[in-house]
């Protein structure tokens, strides 16, 4: 499928919201809304603008959402009320969907999963703390011009090794 991209996220430090249990995503004064405000302020201070650094994940075992913000190496100098973790990174099969359209997000997610299932080169690499990620990648001015934002849906994969065939 031509719309599927394969990317590698590097290992990095990340600040995390922790799991948001029993909460509608982004409810007023909720954990995810507070985390969004924290990392959004931090993000304004970074110099590079090459890619988005925030990633949402739904932990299946926990039945909860968690949010990550990949931080620069010198982040320890910043006081944070949030936990700092090591993200392992890895390969991801990705495609864009219309953010906020549950139907489109599910359609694209299904297409990515089908691509992986049909692939002779890749298999799923889902394991504890290594799940599907997503990030809204549309700059605000572009979202305004389009009338919507795009969300990058990312499914963890690994290369099929010859001896596992």
N, C-alpha and C. Protein backbone atom coordinates (compact mmCIF):
# COMPACT_ATOMS: atom_id res chain seq x y z
N UNK A 1 0.84 -1.18 0.00
CA UNK A 1 0.00 0.00 0.00
C UNK A 1 0.89 1.23 0.00
N UNK A 2 0.71 2.09 -0.95
CA UNK A 2 1.61 3.24 -1.14
C UNK A 2 1.56 4.25 -0.01
N UNK A 3 0.45 4.33 0.71
CA UNK A 3 0.34 5.36 1.74
C UNK A 3 1.03 4.98 3.06
N UNK A 4 1.49 3.76 3.18
CA UNK A 4 2.17 3.33 4.41
C UNK A 4 3.63 3.73 4.34
N UNK A 5 4.09 4.39 5.40
CA UNK A 5 5.50 4.75 5.52
C UNK A 5 6.10 3.92 6.64
N UNK A 6 7.36 3.60 6.53
CA UNK A 6 8.08 2.93 7.60
C UNK A 6 9.08 3.94 8.16
N UNK A 7 8.98 4.18 9.47
CA UNK A 7 9.90 5.13 10.12
C UNK A 7 10.58 4.43 11.29
N UNK A 8 11.65 5.04 11.76
CA UNK A 8 12.32 4.57 12.97
C UNK A 8 12.33 5.72 13.96
N UNK A 9 11.74 5.49 15.12
CA UNK A 9 11.84 6.47 16.21
C UNK A 9 13.09 6.12 17.01
N UNK A 10 13.90 7.11 17.32
CA UNK A 10 15.13 6.82 18.08
C UNK A 10 14.83 6.57 19.55
N UNK A 11 15.74 5.88 20.21
CA UNK A 11 15.66 5.77 21.66
C UNK A 11 15.83 7.18 22.21
N UNK A 12 15.11 7.47 23.28
CA UNK A 12 15.20 8.82 23.84
C UNK A 12 14.63 8.84 25.24
N UNK A 13 14.84 9.94 25.91
CA UNK A 13 14.18 10.23 27.18
C UNK A 13 12.84 10.86 26.84
N UNK A 14 11.85 10.59 27.65
CA UNK A 14 10.53 11.19 27.44
C UNK A 14 9.92 11.49 28.79
N UNK A 15 9.18 12.55 28.85
CA UNK A 15 8.38 12.85 30.02
C UNK A 15 7.00 12.26 29.71
N UNK A 16 6.35 11.70 30.71
CA UNK A 16 5.08 11.01 30.46
C UNK A 16 3.99 11.45 31.44
N UNK A 17 2.78 11.43 30.92
CA UNK A 17 1.62 11.77 31.74
C UNK A 17 1.29 10.66 32.73
N UNK A 18 1.79 9.45 32.47
CA UNK A 18 1.30 8.30 33.20
C UNK A 18 -0.07 7.94 32.65
N UNK A 19 -0.58 6.78 33.00
CA UNK A 19 -1.87 6.35 32.47
C UNK A 19 -3.01 7.18 33.04
N UNK A 20 -3.92 7.57 32.18
CA UNK A 20 -5.12 8.30 32.57
C UNK A 20 -6.27 7.30 32.62
N UNK A 21 -6.58 6.81 33.81
CA UNK A 21 -7.63 5.81 34.00
C UNK A 21 -8.97 6.49 34.21
N UNK A 22 -10.01 5.80 33.80
CA UNK A 22 -11.38 6.22 34.08
C UNK A 22 -11.62 7.69 33.80
N UNK A 23 -11.12 8.16 32.70
CA UNK A 23 -11.23 9.58 32.39
C UNK A 23 -11.46 9.73 30.89
N UNK A 24 -12.37 10.58 30.54
CA UNK A 24 -12.54 10.91 29.13
C UNK A 24 -11.26 11.61 28.69
N UNK A 25 -10.76 11.29 27.50
CA UNK A 25 -9.55 11.98 27.05
C UNK A 25 -9.74 13.49 27.09
N UNK A 26 -8.82 14.14 27.72
CA UNK A 26 -8.74 15.60 27.74
C UNK A 26 -9.89 16.28 28.47
N UNK A 27 -10.47 15.62 29.46
CA UNK A 27 -11.52 16.30 30.23
C UNK A 27 -10.93 17.50 30.95
N UNK A 28 -11.74 18.50 31.20
CA UNK A 28 -11.30 19.72 31.87
C UNK A 28 -10.64 19.37 33.21
N UNK A 29 -9.46 19.90 33.43
CA UNK A 29 -8.66 19.68 34.64
C UNK A 29 -8.23 18.22 34.81
N UNK A 30 -8.31 17.43 33.76
CA UNK A 30 -7.89 16.04 33.83
C UNK A 30 -6.39 15.91 33.64
N UNK A 31 -5.90 14.70 33.84
CA UNK A 31 -4.47 14.42 33.75
C UNK A 31 -3.91 14.75 32.36
N UNK A 32 -4.62 14.33 31.30
CA UNK A 32 -4.11 14.57 29.95
C UNK A 32 -4.14 16.04 29.58
N UNK A 33 -5.17 16.76 30.01
CA UNK A 33 -5.22 18.20 29.74
C UNK A 33 -4.07 18.92 30.46
N UNK A 34 -3.79 18.54 31.70
CA UNK A 34 -2.67 19.14 32.44
C UNK A 34 -1.34 18.82 31.78
N UNK A 35 -1.17 17.59 31.33
CA UNK A 35 0.07 17.20 30.65
C UNK A 35 0.22 17.96 29.35
N UNK A 36 -0.87 18.12 28.61
CA UNK A 36 -0.85 18.88 27.36
C UNK A 36 -0.35 20.31 27.61
N UNK A 37 -0.85 20.94 28.65
CA UNK A 37 -0.42 22.31 28.97
C UNK A 37 1.07 22.34 29.31
N UNK A 38 1.54 21.32 30.07
CA UNK A 38 2.95 21.26 30.45
C UNK A 38 3.85 21.12 29.24
N UNK A 39 3.62 20.09 28.41
CA UNK A 39 4.53 19.85 27.30
C UNK A 39 4.39 20.92 26.23
N UNK A 40 3.21 21.51 26.07
CA UNK A 40 3.04 22.57 25.07
C UNK A 40 3.92 23.78 25.40
N UNK A 41 4.02 24.11 26.68
CA UNK A 41 4.91 25.20 27.09
C UNK A 41 6.37 24.82 26.87
N UNK A 42 6.71 23.60 27.20
CA UNK A 42 8.08 23.11 26.99
C UNK A 42 8.42 23.11 25.50
N UNK A 43 7.48 22.71 24.68
CA UNK A 43 7.70 22.62 23.24
C UNK A 43 7.98 23.98 22.61
N UNK A 44 7.41 25.03 23.16
CA UNK A 44 7.64 26.38 22.64
C UNK A 44 9.10 26.81 22.77
N UNK A 45 9.82 26.19 23.69
CA UNK A 45 11.21 26.57 23.96
C UNK A 45 12.22 25.85 23.08
N UNK A 46 11.80 24.79 22.39
CA UNK A 46 12.79 24.06 21.60
C UNK A 46 13.09 24.79 20.30
N UNK A 47 14.31 24.60 19.84
CA UNK A 47 14.78 25.29 18.65
C UNK A 47 14.40 24.52 17.39
N UNK A 48 14.58 23.18 17.41
CA UNK A 48 14.28 22.40 16.20
C UNK A 48 12.77 22.29 16.01
N UNK A 49 12.34 22.25 14.79
CA UNK A 49 10.93 22.07 14.46
C UNK A 49 10.78 20.98 13.41
N UNK A 50 11.69 20.01 13.42
CA UNK A 50 11.70 18.99 12.37
C UNK A 50 10.56 18.01 12.48
N UNK A 51 10.10 17.70 13.65
CA UNK A 51 9.06 16.70 13.81
C UNK A 51 8.33 16.92 15.12
N UNK A 52 7.20 16.27 15.22
CA UNK A 52 6.43 16.33 16.45
C UNK A 52 7.13 15.47 17.51
N UNK A 53 7.09 15.90 18.74
CA UNK A 53 7.72 15.14 19.82
C UNK A 53 6.70 14.52 20.77
N UNK A 54 5.41 14.75 20.54
CA UNK A 54 4.43 14.18 21.46
C UNK A 54 3.73 13.00 20.82
N UNK A 55 3.51 11.96 21.63
CA UNK A 55 2.92 10.72 21.15
C UNK A 55 1.90 10.21 22.16
N UNK A 56 0.70 9.94 21.70
CA UNK A 56 -0.34 9.33 22.53
C UNK A 56 -0.33 7.83 22.31
N UNK A 57 -0.67 7.10 23.34
CA UNK A 57 -0.73 5.65 23.24
C UNK A 57 -1.90 5.16 24.07
N UNK A 58 -2.55 4.13 23.60
CA UNK A 58 -3.59 3.47 24.38
C UNK A 58 -3.03 2.14 24.86
N UNK A 59 -2.87 2.00 26.16
CA UNK A 59 -2.36 0.76 26.74
C UNK A 59 -3.51 -0.23 26.88
N UNK A 60 -3.47 -1.29 26.10
CA UNK A 60 -4.55 -2.27 26.11
C UNK A 60 -4.70 -2.94 27.47
N UNK A 61 -3.60 -3.38 28.06
CA UNK A 61 -3.68 -4.06 29.36
C UNK A 61 -4.22 -3.14 30.45
N UNK A 62 -3.91 -1.84 30.34
CA UNK A 62 -4.32 -0.89 31.36
C UNK A 62 -5.69 -0.29 31.07
N UNK A 63 -6.18 -0.44 29.83
CA UNK A 63 -7.42 0.18 29.39
C UNK A 63 -7.40 1.67 29.71
N UNK A 64 -6.30 2.31 29.32
CA UNK A 64 -6.11 3.73 29.61
C UNK A 64 -5.17 4.36 28.59
N UNK A 65 -5.27 5.68 28.46
CA UNK A 65 -4.37 6.41 27.57
C UNK A 65 -3.17 6.93 28.35
N UNK A 66 -2.07 7.09 27.63
CA UNK A 66 -0.85 7.66 28.20
C UNK A 66 -0.24 8.55 27.12
N UNK A 67 0.40 9.63 27.54
CA UNK A 67 0.97 10.59 26.60
C UNK A 67 2.46 10.73 26.90
N UNK A 68 3.25 10.81 25.84
CA UNK A 68 4.70 10.98 25.95
C UNK A 68 5.13 12.24 25.22
N UNK A 69 6.17 12.87 25.73
CA UNK A 69 6.82 13.98 25.04
C UNK A 69 8.31 13.71 25.05
N UNK A 70 8.90 13.44 23.88
CA UNK A 70 10.33 13.18 23.76
C UNK A 70 11.08 14.46 24.07
N UNK A 71 12.04 14.38 24.98
CA UNK A 71 12.73 15.57 25.46
C UNK A 71 14.19 15.59 25.03
N UNK A 72 14.78 16.79 24.98
CA UNK A 72 16.21 16.87 24.65
C UNK A 72 17.06 16.27 25.77
N UNK A 73 18.30 15.96 25.43
CA UNK A 73 19.20 15.32 26.39
C UNK A 73 19.39 16.11 27.67
N UNK A 74 19.30 17.44 27.60
CA UNK A 74 19.54 18.27 28.79
C UNK A 74 18.27 18.53 29.58
N UNK A 75 17.23 17.76 29.35
CA UNK A 75 15.94 17.99 30.01
C UNK A 75 16.02 17.88 31.52
N UNK A 76 16.93 17.06 32.05
CA UNK A 76 17.02 16.89 33.50
C UNK A 76 17.20 18.22 34.22
N UNK A 77 17.68 19.23 33.52
CA UNK A 77 17.87 20.55 34.13
C UNK A 77 16.54 21.26 34.37
N UNK A 78 15.48 20.80 33.73
CA UNK A 78 14.17 21.40 33.88
C UNK A 78 13.42 20.66 34.98
N UNK A 79 12.77 21.40 35.86
CA UNK A 79 11.99 20.78 36.92
C UNK A 79 10.66 20.32 36.33
N UNK A 80 10.35 19.05 36.52
CA UNK A 80 9.13 18.50 35.96
C UNK A 80 8.32 17.77 37.02
N UNK A 81 7.02 18.01 37.07
CA UNK A 81 6.18 17.24 37.98
C UNK A 81 5.84 15.86 37.41
N UNK A 82 6.28 15.58 36.20
CA UNK A 82 5.94 14.35 35.51
C UNK A 82 7.14 13.40 35.50
N UNK A 83 6.86 12.10 35.41
CA UNK A 83 7.91 11.08 35.38
C UNK A 83 8.69 11.16 34.07
N UNK A 84 9.99 10.93 34.15
CA UNK A 84 10.85 10.87 32.97
C UNK A 84 11.22 9.40 32.77
N UNK A 85 11.05 8.92 31.55
CA UNK A 85 11.30 7.51 31.25
C UNK A 85 12.25 7.39 30.06
N UNK A 86 12.71 6.18 29.81
CA UNK A 86 13.47 5.87 28.60
C UNK A 86 12.51 5.23 27.61
N UNK A 87 12.34 5.86 26.45
CA UNK A 87 11.53 5.26 25.39
C UNK A 87 12.47 4.46 24.51
N UNK A 88 12.08 3.25 24.17
CA UNK A 88 12.99 2.39 23.43
C UNK A 88 13.01 2.66 21.93
N UNK A 89 12.02 3.36 21.41
CA UNK A 89 12.01 3.64 19.98
C UNK A 89 11.74 2.39 19.17
N UNK A 90 12.09 2.40 17.91
CA UNK A 90 11.90 1.25 17.05
C UNK A 90 11.25 1.60 15.73
N UNK A 91 10.94 0.56 14.97
CA UNK A 91 10.30 0.73 13.66
C UNK A 91 8.79 0.83 13.82
N UNK A 92 8.19 1.68 12.97
CA UNK A 92 6.73 1.84 12.97
C UNK A 92 6.24 1.95 11.53
N UNK A 93 5.11 1.29 11.26
CA UNK A 93 4.39 1.48 10.00
C UNK A 93 3.39 2.59 10.26
N UNK A 94 3.37 3.60 9.39
CA UNK A 94 2.60 4.82 9.65
C UNK A 94 1.75 5.23 8.46
N UNK A 95 0.67 5.93 8.76
CA UNK A 95 -0.16 6.57 7.74
C UNK A 95 -0.97 7.67 8.42
N UNK A 96 -1.43 8.62 7.62
CA UNK A 96 -2.17 9.77 8.14
C UNK A 96 -3.67 9.56 8.01
N UNK A 97 -4.40 10.10 8.99
CA UNK A 97 -5.86 10.08 9.00
C UNK A 97 -6.35 11.47 9.36
N UNK A 98 -7.64 11.67 9.21
CA UNK A 98 -8.26 12.93 9.60
C UNK A 98 -8.46 12.89 11.12
N UNK A 99 -7.71 13.73 11.85
CA UNK A 99 -7.79 13.76 13.31
C UNK A 99 -9.20 14.17 13.72
N UNK A 100 -9.74 13.46 14.65
CA UNK A 100 -11.08 13.78 15.13
C UNK A 100 -12.17 13.00 14.42
N UNK A 101 -11.83 12.32 13.34
CA UNK A 101 -12.79 11.46 12.66
C UNK A 101 -12.49 10.03 13.07
N UNK A 102 -13.24 9.54 14.04
CA UNK A 102 -13.01 8.20 14.54
C UNK A 102 -13.07 7.17 13.41
N UNK A 103 -14.02 7.36 12.49
CA UNK A 103 -14.17 6.44 11.38
C UNK A 103 -12.92 6.42 10.50
N UNK A 104 -12.39 7.61 10.17
CA UNK A 104 -11.20 7.65 9.32
C UNK A 104 -9.99 7.10 10.06
N UNK A 105 -9.85 7.44 11.35
CA UNK A 105 -8.73 6.92 12.13
C UNK A 105 -8.78 5.39 12.16
N UNK A 106 -9.96 4.81 12.37
CA UNK A 106 -10.09 3.35 12.41
C UNK A 106 -9.84 2.72 11.04
N UNK A 107 -10.29 3.40 9.98
CA UNK A 107 -10.05 2.90 8.63
C UNK A 107 -8.55 2.83 8.34
N UNK A 108 -7.84 3.92 8.64
CA UNK A 108 -6.40 3.96 8.38
C UNK A 108 -5.67 2.95 9.26
N UNK A 109 -6.07 2.86 10.53
CA UNK A 109 -5.45 1.87 11.42
C UNK A 109 -5.63 0.46 10.85
N UNK A 110 -6.83 0.16 10.37
CA UNK A 110 -7.10 -1.15 9.77
C UNK A 110 -6.24 -1.40 8.54
N UNK A 111 -6.04 -0.36 7.73
CA UNK A 111 -5.20 -0.52 6.54
C UNK A 111 -3.74 -0.78 6.91
N UNK A 112 -3.27 -0.12 7.95
CA UNK A 112 -1.89 -0.36 8.40
C UNK A 112 -1.76 -1.80 8.89
N UNK A 113 -2.71 -2.25 9.72
CA UNK A 113 -2.66 -3.61 10.25
C UNK A 113 -2.74 -4.64 9.11
N UNK A 114 -3.55 -4.39 8.10
CA UNK A 114 -3.64 -5.29 6.95
C UNK A 114 -2.33 -5.32 6.18
N UNK A 115 -1.72 -4.14 6.00
CA UNK A 115 -0.43 -4.06 5.32
C UNK A 115 0.60 -4.95 6.03
N UNK A 116 0.63 -4.85 7.35
CA UNK A 116 1.60 -5.65 8.13
C UNK A 116 1.27 -7.13 8.00
N UNK A 117 0.00 -7.49 8.15
CA UNK A 117 -0.41 -8.89 8.06
C UNK A 117 -0.06 -9.49 6.69
N UNK A 118 -0.19 -8.69 5.64
CA UNK A 118 0.10 -9.17 4.29
C UNK A 118 1.58 -9.09 3.91
N UNK A 119 2.39 -8.44 4.74
CA UNK A 119 3.79 -8.20 4.41
C UNK A 119 4.64 -9.45 4.60
N UNK A 120 5.59 -9.61 3.72
CA UNK A 120 6.58 -10.68 3.88
C UNK A 120 7.82 -10.15 4.60
N UNK A 121 7.88 -8.83 4.79
CA UNK A 121 9.07 -8.20 5.37
C UNK A 121 8.92 -7.79 6.83
N UNK A 122 7.66 -7.56 7.29
CA UNK A 122 7.45 -7.02 8.63
C UNK A 122 6.39 -7.81 9.38
N UNK A 123 6.54 -7.84 10.72
CA UNK A 123 5.52 -8.39 11.60
C UNK A 123 5.29 -7.39 12.72
N UNK A 124 4.15 -7.52 13.40
CA UNK A 124 3.85 -6.65 14.53
C UNK A 124 4.90 -6.81 15.62
N UNK A 125 5.20 -5.73 16.31
CA UNK A 125 6.14 -5.76 17.43
C UNK A 125 5.48 -5.13 18.64
N UNK A 126 4.28 -5.62 18.96
CA UNK A 126 3.54 -5.10 20.10
C UNK A 126 3.91 -5.91 21.34
N UNK A 127 4.32 -5.22 22.37
CA UNK A 127 4.68 -5.85 23.64
C UNK A 127 4.48 -4.81 24.72
N UNK A 128 4.70 -5.16 25.96
CA UNK A 128 4.46 -4.22 27.06
C UNK A 128 5.21 -2.91 26.82
N UNK A 129 4.49 -1.82 26.95
CA UNK A 129 5.01 -0.45 26.78
C UNK A 129 5.57 -0.19 25.38
N UNK A 130 5.12 -0.93 24.41
CA UNK A 130 5.56 -0.74 23.03
C UNK A 130 4.34 -0.95 22.13
N UNK A 131 3.46 0.02 22.15
CA UNK A 131 2.17 -0.10 21.49
C UNK A 131 2.05 0.88 20.33
N UNK A 132 0.86 0.87 19.75
CA UNK A 132 0.53 1.84 18.71
C UNK A 132 0.64 3.24 19.30
N UNK A 133 1.14 4.16 18.49
CA UNK A 133 1.25 5.56 18.89
C UNK A 133 0.51 6.42 17.87
N UNK A 134 0.24 7.64 18.24
CA UNK A 134 -0.29 8.60 17.28
C UNK A 134 0.14 10.00 17.68
N UNK A 135 0.20 10.88 16.69
CA UNK A 135 0.55 12.27 16.94
C UNK A 135 -0.12 13.14 15.89
N UNK A 136 -0.67 14.26 16.33
CA UNK A 136 -1.22 15.24 15.39
C UNK A 136 -0.03 16.00 14.84
N UNK A 137 0.10 15.99 13.51
CA UNK A 137 1.30 16.54 12.88
C UNK A 137 1.05 17.81 12.08
N UNK A 138 -0.18 18.29 12.07
CA UNK A 138 -0.53 19.43 11.23
C UNK A 138 -0.24 20.74 11.96
N UNK A 139 0.57 21.61 11.36
CA UNK A 139 0.79 22.93 11.96
C UNK A 139 -0.54 23.69 12.05
N UNK A 140 -0.71 24.52 13.07
CA UNK A 140 -1.99 25.22 13.27
C UNK A 140 -2.48 26.01 12.05
N UNK A 141 -1.57 26.68 11.34
CA UNK A 141 -2.01 27.46 10.18
C UNK A 141 -2.49 26.56 9.05
N UNK A 142 -1.88 25.39 8.91
CA UNK A 142 -2.31 24.44 7.88
C UNK A 142 -3.66 23.83 8.27
N UNK A 143 -3.82 23.49 9.55
CA UNK A 143 -5.10 22.94 10.02
C UNK A 143 -6.23 23.95 9.77
N UNK A 144 -5.94 25.22 9.99
CA UNK A 144 -6.95 26.25 9.74
C UNK A 144 -7.28 26.32 8.25
N UNK A 145 -6.27 26.25 7.40
CA UNK A 145 -6.50 26.31 5.96
C UNK A 145 -7.27 25.08 5.48
N UNK A 146 -6.95 23.89 6.02
CA UNK A 146 -7.63 22.66 5.62
C UNK A 146 -9.02 22.51 6.23
N UNK A 147 -9.17 23.06 7.42
CA UNK A 147 -10.41 22.87 8.16
C UNK A 147 -10.38 21.62 9.04
N UNK A 148 -9.24 20.98 9.11
CA UNK A 148 -9.06 19.80 9.96
C UNK A 148 -7.57 19.58 10.17
N UNK A 149 -7.25 18.70 11.12
CA UNK A 149 -5.86 18.31 11.36
C UNK A 149 -5.66 16.87 10.92
N UNK A 150 -4.42 16.54 10.62
CA UNK A 150 -4.06 15.16 10.29
C UNK A 150 -3.40 14.53 11.51
N UNK A 151 -3.66 13.26 11.69
CA UNK A 151 -3.04 12.50 12.77
C UNK A 151 -2.24 11.37 12.15
N UNK A 152 -1.01 11.23 12.61
CA UNK A 152 -0.15 10.13 12.16
C UNK A 152 -0.41 8.94 13.07
N UNK A 153 -0.85 7.84 12.50
CA UNK A 153 -1.09 6.61 13.25
C UNK A 153 0.12 5.71 13.02
N UNK A 154 0.69 5.21 14.11
CA UNK A 154 1.96 4.49 14.06
C UNK A 154 1.82 3.14 14.76
N UNK A 155 2.11 2.07 14.03
CA UNK A 155 1.99 0.71 14.57
C UNK A 155 3.39 0.10 14.62
N UNK A 156 3.81 -0.39 15.80
CA UNK A 156 5.17 -0.94 15.94
C UNK A 156 5.35 -2.24 15.16
N UNK A 157 6.47 -2.31 14.45
CA UNK A 157 6.79 -3.49 13.64
C UNK A 157 8.24 -3.88 13.84
N UNK A 158 8.58 -5.04 13.34
CA UNK A 158 9.98 -5.42 13.24
C UNK A 158 10.16 -6.18 11.95
N UNK A 159 11.39 -6.22 11.50
CA UNK A 159 11.72 -6.91 10.26
C UNK A 159 11.70 -8.41 10.49
N UNK A 160 11.08 -9.13 9.55
CA UNK A 160 11.05 -10.60 9.64
C UNK A 160 12.46 -11.10 9.42
N UNK A 161 12.93 -11.91 10.34
CA UNK A 161 14.26 -12.50 10.19
C UNK A 161 14.17 -13.74 9.35
N UNK A 162 15.18 -13.97 8.53
CA UNK A 162 15.18 -15.10 7.59
C UNK A 162 14.95 -16.44 8.29
N UNK A 163 15.50 -16.62 9.49
CA UNK A 163 15.36 -17.91 10.17
C UNK A 163 13.99 -18.10 10.81
N UNK A 164 13.15 -17.07 10.83
CA UNK A 164 11.83 -17.21 11.42
C UNK A 164 10.77 -17.51 10.36
N UNK A 165 11.18 -17.62 9.10
CA UNK A 165 10.22 -17.92 8.01
C UNK A 165 9.82 -19.37 8.01
